[in-house]
Amino acid sequence: MTKKKDEETEIVVRSEECIIEHRTKTREPIASRVKRLFELMPYLTYRIVYYFVLHYFKRVNRKVGSKIALWSMKGETYQHLYLMIKVFKWIVLPASLLYVCVDFCYFGENALDSMFLGILSFFYSTFLPDFPSIFRRKAYHNARDMTEDLRSYKKYALLLFAPLFIMGFFCGMRLKWKTTETFHNLKSAIIYGAFLFALSFLAFGDFPISIGDITEMLSLPFYGLAGYLTHLKVDLCF
């Protein structure tokens, strides 16, 4: 009996040693885990942005008492994100790298700040035309429905300063501003592009203005219009 117990004990000890040795050998290297994380980043970014945008529109839907179906919001969010990532991957990102290299090599300008600002502008502009929907009213159907629409400066203030109006809306501020303008048109895109150029001029226009300054001033409208037109491409299919 003693001999048998000793043999069984030896077998158990050897088995534990084998398990420990096997686990040590199969542990994933740190470099491999980092590589896998970078491979998952686009997917994780997509999911984070998707749920953030969907959550925003669900909150707006409840706040304004709209009856847009959840499946409709999910479908539109997916379409916009899909095209946004595609445009960013094949157009915006390569153009950004080329822009930074050309500005540094030929004009001696460090354009990294304007590039990162422009990329943020691209993502923001991709959803911008839908942000003022809080202040939208139905289009006119007959003469009895016709009331005076907002003045142009008020309508486009809702577009150009949308984050401020949205913050005020969620903080309980209720404006009586309502407009039939949907901002899903080229006119709104041009006004938005001109607004971005004015901001870019104030941010990067150092006197005397060099060619490098001009490229930086044009970068923000480029990124913003790329995002805005990406949105219009999904909704209008032009």
C-alpha atoms as a PDB file:
ATOM      1  CA  MET A   1       0.000   0.000   0.000  1.00  0.00           C
ATOM      2  CA  THR A   2       2.809   2.369   0.851  1.00  0.00           C
ATOM      3  CA  LYS A   3       4.533   1.719  -2.422  1.00  0.00           C
ATOM      4  CA  LYS A   4       1.328   2.306  -4.332  1.00  0.00           C
ATOM      5  CA  LYS A   5       0.706   5.611  -2.557  1.00  0.00           C
ATOM      6  CA  ASP A   6       4.228   6.741  -3.361  1.00  0.00           C
ATOM      7  CA  GLU A   7       3.771   5.849  -7.002  1.00  0.00           C
ATOM      8  CA  GLU A   8       0.469   7.711  -7.169  1.00  0.00           C
ATOM      9  CA  THR A   9       2.050  10.734  -5.522  1.00  0.00           C
ATOM     10  CA  GLU A  10       4.838  10.720  -8.061  1.00  0.00           C
ATOM     11  CA  ILE A  11       2.366  10.536 -10.913  1.00  0.00           C
ATOM     12  CA  VAL A  12       0.393  13.508  -9.589  1.00  0.00           C
ATOM     13  CA  VAL A  13       3.507  15.626  -9.117  1.00  0.00           C
ATOM     14  CA  ARG A  14       4.729  14.860 -12.608  1.00  0.00           C
ATOM     15  CA  SER A  15       1.323  15.715 -14.031  1.00  0.00           C
ATOM     16  CA  GLU A  16       1.344  19.116 -12.299  1.00  0.00           C
ATOM     17  CA  GLU A  17       4.836  19.803 -13.565  1.00  0.00           C
ATOM     18  CA  CYS A  18       3.759  18.962 -17.100  1.00  0.00           C
ATOM     19  CA  ILE A  19       0.759  21.277 -16.854  1.00  0.00           C
ATOM     20  CA  ILE A  20       2.902  24.148 -15.534  1.00  0.00           C
ATOM     21  CA  GLU A  21       5.516  23.586 -18.199  1.00  0.00           C
ATOM     22  CA  HIS A  22       2.855  23.423 -20.937  1.00  0.00           C
ATOM     23  CA  ARG A  23       1.219  26.661 -19.789  1.00  0.00           C
ATOM     24  CA  THR A  24       4.589  28.418 -19.723  1.00  0.00           C
ATOM     25  CA  LYS A  25       5.366  27.347 -23.248  1.00  0.00           C
ATOM     26  CA  THR A  26       1.969  28.376 -24.697  1.00  0.00           C
ATOM     27  CA  ARG A  27       1.875  31.855 -23.114  1.00  0.00           C
ATOM     28  CA  GLU A  28       1.376  34.450 -25.895  1.00  0.00           C
ATOM     29  CA  PRO A  29       4.370  36.769 -26.384  1.00  0.00           C
ATOM     30  CA  ILE A  30       3.889  40.451 -25.558  1.00  0.00           C
ATOM     31  CA  ALA A  31       4.742  41.502 -29.117  1.00  0.00           C
ATOM     32  CA  SER A  32       2.048  39.202 -30.466  1.00  0.00           C
ATOM     33  CA  ARG A  33      -0.546  40.608 -28.049  1.00  0.00           C
ATOM     34  CA  VAL A  34       0.350  44.186 -29.016  1.00  0.00           C
ATOM     35  CA  LYS A  35       0.077  43.273 -32.708  1.00  0.00           C
ATOM     36  CA  ARG A  36      -3.329  41.687 -32.138  1.00  0.00           C
ATOM     37  CA  LEU A  37      -4.485  44.801 -30.262  1.00  0.00           C
ATOM     38  CA  PHE A  38      -3.530  47.026 -33.209  1.00  0.00           C
ATOM     39  CA  GLU A  39      -5.383  44.692 -35.555  1.00  0.00           C
ATOM     40  CA  LEU A  40      -8.504  44.974 -33.389  1.00  0.00           C
ATOM     41  CA  MET A  41      -8.317  48.771 -33.013  1.00  0.00           C
ATOM     42  CA  PRO A  42     -10.282  49.598 -36.216  1.00  0.00           C
ATOM     43  CA  TYR A  43     -13.075  47.255 -35.133  1.00  0.00           C
ATOM     44  CA  LEU A  44     -13.093  48.585 -31.565  1.00  0.00           C
ATOM     45  CA  THR A  45     -13.107  52.170 -32.854  1.00  0.00           C
ATOM     46  CA  TYR A  46     -16.015  51.335 -35.131  1.00  0.00           C
ATOM     47  CA  ARG A  47     -18.042  49.823 -32.281  1.00  0.00           C
ATOM     48  CA  ILE A  48     -17.343  52.742 -29.931  1.00  0.00           C
ATOM     49  CA  VAL A  49     -18.344  55.350 -32.530  1.00  0.00           C
ATOM     50  CA  TYR A  50     -21.374  53.289 -33.565  1.00  0.00           C
ATOM     51  CA  TYR A  51     -22.802  53.045 -30.040  1.00  0.00           C
ATOM     52  CA  PHE A  52     -21.948  56.692 -29.262  1.00  0.00           C
ATOM     53  CA  VAL A  53     -23.773  57.997 -32.361  1.00  0.00           C
ATOM     54  CA  LEU A  54     -26.708  55.624 -31.890  1.00  0.00           C
ATOM     55  CA  HIS A  55     -27.037  56.617 -28.217  1.00  0.00           C
ATOM     56  CA  TYR A  56     -27.038  60.305 -29.195  1.00  0.00           C
ATOM     57  CA  PHE A  57     -29.840  59.893 -31.733  1.00  0.00           C
ATOM     58  CA  LYS A  58     -31.876  57.726 -29.331  1.00  0.00           C
ATOM     59  CA  ARG A  59     -31.664  60.472 -26.685  1.00  0.00           C
ATOM     60  CA  VAL A  60     -32.655  63.138 -29.207  1.00  0.00           C
ATOM     61  CA  ASN A  61     -35.512  60.934 -30.396  1.00  0.00           C
ATOM     62  CA  ARG A  62     -36.889  60.717 -26.858  1.00  0.00           C
ATOM     63  CA  LYS A  63     -36.298  64.408 -26.070  1.00  0.00           C
ATOM     64  CA  VAL A  64     -38.153  65.773 -29.090  1.00  0.00           C
ATOM     65  CA  GLY A  65     -40.895  63.134 -28.923  1.00  0.00           C
ATOM     66  CA  SER A  66     -40.090  61.756 -32.359  1.00  0.00           C
ATOM     67  CA  LYS A  67     -41.281  58.282 -33.331  1.00  0.00           C
ATOM     68  CA  ILE A  68     -38.390  57.163 -35.519  1.00  0.00           C
ATOM     69  CA  ALA A  69     -38.052  53.382 -35.284  1.00  0.00           C
ATOM     70  CA  LEU A  70     -34.916  51.989 -33.640  1.00  0.00           C
ATOM     71  CA  TRP A  71     -34.166  49.728 -36.606  1.00  0.00           C
ATOM     72  CA  SER A  72     -34.200  52.796 -38.862  1.00  0.00           C
ATOM     73  CA  MET A  73     -31.700  54.648 -36.639  1.00  0.00           C
ATOM     74  CA  LYS A  74     -29.460  51.570 -36.506  1.00  0.00           C
ATOM     75  CA  GLY A  75     -29.555  51.155 -40.286  1.00  0.00           C
ATOM     76  CA  GLU A  76     -28.716  54.780 -41.017  1.00  0.00           C
ATOM     77  CA  THR A  77     -25.942  54.848 -38.409  1.00  0.00           C
ATOM     78  CA  TYR A  78     -24.406  51.727 -39.956  1.00  0.00           C
ATOM     79  CA  GLN A  79     -24.553  53.188 -43.482  1.00  0.00           C
ATOM     80  CA  HIS A  80     -22.895  56.436 -42.444  1.00  0.00           C
ATOM     81  CA  LEU A  81     -20.168  54.700 -40.447  1.00  0.00           C
ATOM     82  CA  TYR A  82     -19.443  52.209 -43.221  1.00  0.00           C
ATOM     83  CA  LEU A  83     -18.893  54.914 -45.846  1.00  0.00           C
ATOM     84  CA  MET A  84     -17.050  57.176 -43.380  1.00  0.00           C
ATOM     85  CA  ILE A  85     -14.480  54.452 -42.602  1.00  0.00           C
ATOM     86  CA  LYS A  86     -14.121  53.620 -46.291  1.00  0.00           C
ATOM     87  CA  VAL A  87     -13.491  57.271 -47.263  1.00  0.00           C
ATOM     88  CA  PHE A  88     -11.099  57.754 -44.349  1.00  0.00           C
ATOM     89  CA  LYS A  89      -9.108  54.624 -45.194  1.00  0.00           C
ATOM     90  CA  TRP A  90      -8.736  55.205 -48.937  1.00  0.00           C
ATOM     91  CA  ILE A  91      -8.835  59.001 -49.295  1.00  0.00           C
ATOM     92  CA  VAL A  92      -8.405  60.984 -46.080  1.00  0.00           C
ATOM     93  CA  LEU A  93      -5.583  58.983 -44.485  1.00  0.00           C
ATOM     94  CA  PRO A  94      -3.356  58.751 -47.617  1.00  0.00           C
ATOM     95  CA  ALA A  95      -3.998  62.443 -48.376  1.00  0.00           C
ATOM     96  CA  SER A  96      -3.081  63.338 -44.780  1.00  0.00           C
ATOM     97  CA  LEU A  97       0.253  61.519 -44.933  1.00  0.00           C
ATOM     98  CA  LEU A  98       1.061  63.107 -48.300  1.00  0.00           C
ATOM     99  CA  TYR A  99       0.051  66.545 -46.996  1.00  0.00           C
ATOM    100  CA  VAL A 100       2.321  66.326 -43.940  1.00  0.00           C
ATOM    101  CA  CYS A 101       5.306  65.047 -45.967  1.00  0.00           C
ATOM    102  CA  VAL A 102       4.970  67.691 -48.706  1.00  0.00           C
ATOM    103  CA  ASP A 103       4.539  70.504 -46.206  1.00  0.00           C
ATOM    104  CA  PHE A 104       7.615  69.407 -44.273  1.00  0.00           C
ATOM    105  CA  CYS A 105       9.903  68.601 -47.228  1.00  0.00           C
ATOM    106  CA  TYR A 106       9.064  71.488 -49.562  1.00  0.00           C
ATOM    107  CA  PHE A 107       7.791  74.291 -47.323  1.00  0.00           C
ATOM    108  CA  GLY A 108       9.513  73.560 -44.011  1.00  0.00           C
ATOM    109  CA  GLU A 109       6.193  73.544 -42.124  1.00  0.00           C
ATOM    110  CA  ASN A 110       5.152  71.104 -39.415  1.00  0.00           C
ATOM    111  CA  ALA A 111       1.567  70.330 -40.418  1.00  0.00           C
ATOM    112  CA  LEU A 112       0.823  67.663 -37.804  1.00  0.00           C
ATOM    113  CA  ASP A 113      -1.370  70.003 -35.753  1.00  0.00           C
ATOM    114  CA  SER A 114      -3.532  70.986 -38.718  1.00  0.00           C
ATOM    115  CA  MET A 115      -3.686  67.333 -39.846  1.00  0.00           C
ATOM    116  CA  PHE A 116      -5.020  66.074 -36.503  1.00  0.00           C
ATOM    117  CA  LEU A 117      -7.446  68.992 -36.289  1.00  0.00           C
ATOM    118  CA  GLY A 118      -8.582  68.228 -39.827  1.00  0.00           C
ATOM    119  CA  ILE A 119      -9.169  64.535 -39.083  1.00  0.00           C
ATOM    120  CA  LEU A 120     -11.344  65.473 -36.103  1.00  0.00           C
ATOM    121  CA  SER A 121     -13.203  67.871 -38.383  1.00  0.00           C
ATOM    122  CA  PHE A 122     -13.756  65.067 -40.907  1.00  0.00           C
ATOM    123  CA  PHE A 123     -15.369  62.744 -38.352  1.00  0.00           C
ATOM    124  CA  TYR A 124     -17.472  65.561 -36.906  1.00  0.00           C
ATOM    125  CA  SER A 125     -18.606  66.798 -40.319  1.00  0.00           C
ATOM    126  CA  THR A 126     -19.694  63.315 -41.362  1.00  0.00           C
ATOM    127  CA  PHE A 127     -22.650  63.568 -38.966  1.00  0.00           C
ATOM    128  CA  LEU A 128     -23.103  67.348 -38.874  1.00  0.00           C
ATOM    129  CA  PRO A 129     -26.084  67.692 -41.296  1.00  0.00           C
ATOM    130  CA  ASP A 130     -28.231  65.624 -38.907  1.00  0.00           C
ATOM    131  CA  PHE A 131     -27.332  67.504 -35.720  1.00  0.00           C
ATOM    132  CA  PRO A 132     -29.728  70.471 -36.244  1.00  0.00           C
ATOM    133  CA  SER A 133     -32.639  68.020 -36.695  1.00  0.00           C
ATOM    134  CA  ILE A 134     -33.640  68.963 -33.140  1.00  0.00           C
ATOM    135  CA  PHE A 135     -34.832  72.306 -34.528  1.00  0.00           C
ATOM    136  CA  ARG A 136     -36.431  70.983 -37.708  1.00  0.00           C
ATOM    137  CA  ARG A 137     -40.094  71.266 -38.565  1.00  0.00           C
ATOM    138  CA  LYS A 138     -42.071  69.654 -41.346  1.00  0.00           C
ATOM    139  CA  ALA A 139     -42.071  71.200 -44.790  1.00  0.00           C
ATOM    140  CA  TYR A 140     -45.060  73.220 -45.916  1.00  0.00           C
ATOM    141  CA  HIS A 141     -47.933  71.210 -47.390  1.00  0.00           C
ATOM    142  CA  ASN A 142     -50.511  73.900 -47.993  1.00  0.00           C
ATOM    143  CA  ALA A 143     -51.114  77.618 -47.510  1.00  0.00           C
ATOM    144  CA  ARG A 144     -52.493  77.184 -43.978  1.00  0.00           C
ATOM    145  CA  ASP A 145     -49.244  75.558 -42.824  1.00  0.00           C
ATOM    146  CA  MET A 146     -47.093  78.374 -44.161  1.00  0.00           C
ATOM    147  CA  THR A 147     -45.469  80.482 -41.465  1.00  0.00           C
ATOM    148  CA  GLU A 148     -42.419  82.644 -41.795  1.00  0.00           C
ATOM    149  CA  ASP A 149     -39.227  80.575 -41.746  1.00  0.00           C
ATOM    150  CA  LEU A 150     -36.153  81.615 -39.782  1.00  0.00           C
ATOM    151  CA  ARG A 151     -33.880  84.251 -41.212  1.00  0.00           C
ATOM    152  CA  SER A 152     -30.827  82.863 -42.986  1.00  0.00           C
ATOM    153  CA  TYR A 153     -28.372  83.854 -40.288  1.00  0.00           C
ATOM    154  CA  LYS A 154     -30.423  81.983 -37.682  1.00  0.00           C
ATOM    155  CA  LYS A 155     -30.837  78.897 -39.848  1.00  0.00           C
ATOM    156  CA  TYR A 156     -27.148  78.578 -40.569  1.00  0.00           C
ATOM    157  CA  ALA A 157     -26.215  79.423 -37.000  1.00  0.00           C
ATOM    158  CA  LEU A 158     -27.982  76.160 -36.094  1.00  0.00           C
ATOM    159  CA  LEU A 159     -25.632  74.384 -38.493  1.00  0.00           C
ATOM    160  CA  LEU A 160     -22.350  76.186 -37.874  1.00  0.00           C
ATOM    161  CA  PHE A 161     -22.646  76.297 -34.076  1.00  0.00           C
ATOM    162  CA  ALA A 162     -24.531  73.026 -33.677  1.00  0.00           C
ATOM    163  CA  PRO A 163     -22.566  71.790 -30.609  1.00  0.00           C
ATOM    164  CA  LEU A 164     -23.511  74.911 -28.619  1.00  0.00           C
ATOM    165  CA  PHE A 165     -27.210  74.576 -29.463  1.00  0.00           C
ATOM    166  CA  ILE A 166     -27.154  70.843 -28.699  1.00  0.00           C
ATOM    167  CA  MET A 167     -25.543  71.428 -25.299  1.00  0.00           C
ATOM    168  CA  GLY A 168     -28.146  74.076 -24.530  1.00  0.00           C
ATOM    169  CA  PHE A 169     -30.930  71.718 -25.607  1.00  0.00           C
ATOM    170  CA  PHE A 170     -29.799  68.924 -23.278  1.00  0.00           C
ATOM    171  CA  CYS A 171     -29.320  71.440 -20.462  1.00  0.00           C
ATOM    172  CA  GLY A 172     -32.973  72.416 -20.687  1.00  0.00           C
ATOM    173  CA  MET A 173     -32.761  75.531 -22.886  1.00  0.00           C
ATOM    174  CA  ARG A 174     -35.711  75.632 -25.271  1.00  0.00           C
ATOM    175  CA  LEU A 175     -35.404  77.914 -28.300  1.00  0.00           C
ATOM    176  CA  LYS A 176     -38.411  78.691 -30.447  1.00  0.00           C
ATOM    177  CA  TRP A 177     -36.212  78.474 -33.516  1.00  0.00           C
ATOM    178  CA  LYS A 178     -37.699  75.986 -35.986  1.00  0.00           C
ATOM    179  CA  THR A 179     -36.763  75.673 -39.628  1.00  0.00           C
ATOM    180  CA  THR A 180     -37.744  73.595 -42.635  1.00  0.00           C
ATOM    181  CA  GLU A 181     -34.121  73.642 -43.842  1.00  0.00           C
ATOM    182  CA  THR A 182     -32.637  70.132 -43.781  1.00  0.00           C
ATOM    183  CA  PHE A 183     -29.023  71.191 -44.571  1.00  0.00           C
ATOM    184  CA  HIS A 184     -28.725  68.189 -46.896  1.00  0.00           C
ATOM    185  CA  ASN A 185     -27.704  70.199 -49.931  1.00  0.00           C
ATOM    186  CA  LEU A 186     -24.628  71.667 -51.625  1.00  0.00           C
ATOM    187  CA  LYS A 187     -25.526  75.214 -50.580  1.00  0.00           C
ATOM    188  CA  SER A 188     -25.199  74.278 -46.909  1.00  0.00           C
ATOM    189  CA  ALA A 189     -21.949  72.446 -47.667  1.00  0.00           C
ATOM    190  CA  ILE A 190     -20.474  75.550 -49.353  1.00  0.00           C
ATOM    191  CA  ILE A 191     -21.495  77.799 -46.429  1.00  0.00           C
ATOM    192  CA  TYR A 192     -19.954  75.324 -44.003  1.00  0.00           C
ATOM    193  CA  GLY A 193     -16.754  75.176 -46.074  1.00  0.00           C
ATOM    194  CA  ALA A 194     -16.487  78.977 -46.074  1.00  0.00           C
ATOM    195  CA  PHE A 195     -16.974  78.990 -42.296  1.00  0.00           C
ATOM    196  CA  LEU A 196     -14.169  76.447 -41.859  1.00  0.00           C
ATOM    197  CA  PHE A 197     -11.878  78.506 -44.099  1.00  0.00           C
ATOM    198  CA  ALA A 198     -12.483  81.562 -41.899  1.00  0.00           C
ATOM    199  CA  LEU A 199     -11.619  79.549 -38.782  1.00  0.00           C
ATOM    200  CA  SER A 200      -8.570  78.098 -40.486  1.00  0.00           C
ATOM    201  CA  PHE A 201      -7.394  81.552 -41.539  1.00  0.00           C
ATOM    202  CA  LEU A 202      -7.581  82.761 -37.941  1.00  0.00           C
ATOM    203  CA  ALA A 203      -5.754  79.680 -36.689  1.00  0.00           C
ATOM    204  CA  PHE A 204      -2.969  79.314 -39.288  1.00  0.00           C
ATOM    205  CA  GLY A 205      -2.784  82.645 -41.143  1.00  0.00           C
ATOM    206  CA  ASP A 206       0.503  84.174 -39.974  1.00  0.00           C
ATOM    207  CA  PHE A 207       1.638  87.357 -41.740  1.00  0.00           C
ATOM    208  CA  PRO A 208       3.460  87.408 -44.053  1.00  0.00           C
ATOM    209  CA  ILE A 209       1.495  84.453 -45.393  1.00  0.00           C
ATOM    210  CA  SER A 210       3.653  81.762 -46.992  1.00  0.00           C
ATOM    211  CA  ILE A 211       2.673  78.893 -49.289  1.00  0.00           C
ATOM    212  CA  GLY A 212       2.932  76.550 -46.303  1.00  0.00           C
ATOM    213  CA  ASP A 213       0.413  78.711 -44.424  1.00  0.00           C
ATOM    214  CA  ILE A 214      -1.951  78.570 -47.393  1.00  0.00           C
ATOM    215  CA  THR A 215      -1.848  74.758 -47.469  1.00  0.00           C
ATOM    216  CA  GLU A 216      -2.672  74.677 -43.754  1.00  0.00           C
ATOM    217  CA  MET A 217      -5.527  77.155 -44.198  1.00  0.00           C
ATOM    218  CA  LEU A 218      -6.990  75.013 -46.970  1.00  0.00           C
ATOM    219  CA  SER A 219      -6.607  71.773 -45.039  1.00  0.00           C
ATOM    220  CA  LEU A 220      -9.490  72.341 -42.602  1.00  0.00           C
ATOM    221  CA  PRO A 221     -12.085  73.087 -45.326  1.00  0.00           C
ATOM    222  CA  PHE A 222     -10.817  70.030 -47.244  1.00  0.00           C
ATOM    223  CA  TYR A 223     -11.336  67.684 -44.303  1.00  0.00           C
ATOM    224  CA  GLY A 224     -14.650  69.246 -43.300  1.00  0.00           C
ATOM    225  CA  LEU A 225     -16.127  69.145 -46.796  1.00  0.00           C
ATOM    226  CA  ALA A 226     -14.910  65.567 -47.254  1.00  0.00           C
ATOM    227  CA  GLY A 227     -16.919  64.576 -44.194  1.00  0.00           C
ATOM    228  CA  TYR A 228     -19.955  66.658 -45.139  1.00  0.00           C
ATOM    229  CA  LEU A 229     -20.091  65.287 -48.695  1.00  0.00           C
ATOM    230  CA  THR A 230     -19.672  61.756 -47.344  1.00  0.00           C
ATOM    231  CA  HIS A 231     -22.869  62.294 -45.357  1.00  0.00           C
ATOM    232  CA  LEU A 232     -24.697  63.673 -48.390  1.00  0.00           C
ATOM    233  CA  LYS A 233     -23.521  60.700 -50.449  1.00  0.00           C
ATOM    234  CA  VAL A 234     -25.353  58.322 -48.109  1.00  0.00           C
ATOM    235  CA  ASP A 235     -28.557  60.341 -47.754  1.00  0.00           C
ATOM    236  CA  LEU A 236     -28.881  61.757 -51.275  1.00  0.00           C
ATOM    237  CA  CYS A 237     -26.838  59.255 -53.308  1.00  0.00           C
ATOM    238  CA  PHE A 238     -25.613  61.968 -55.709  1.00  0.00           C
END
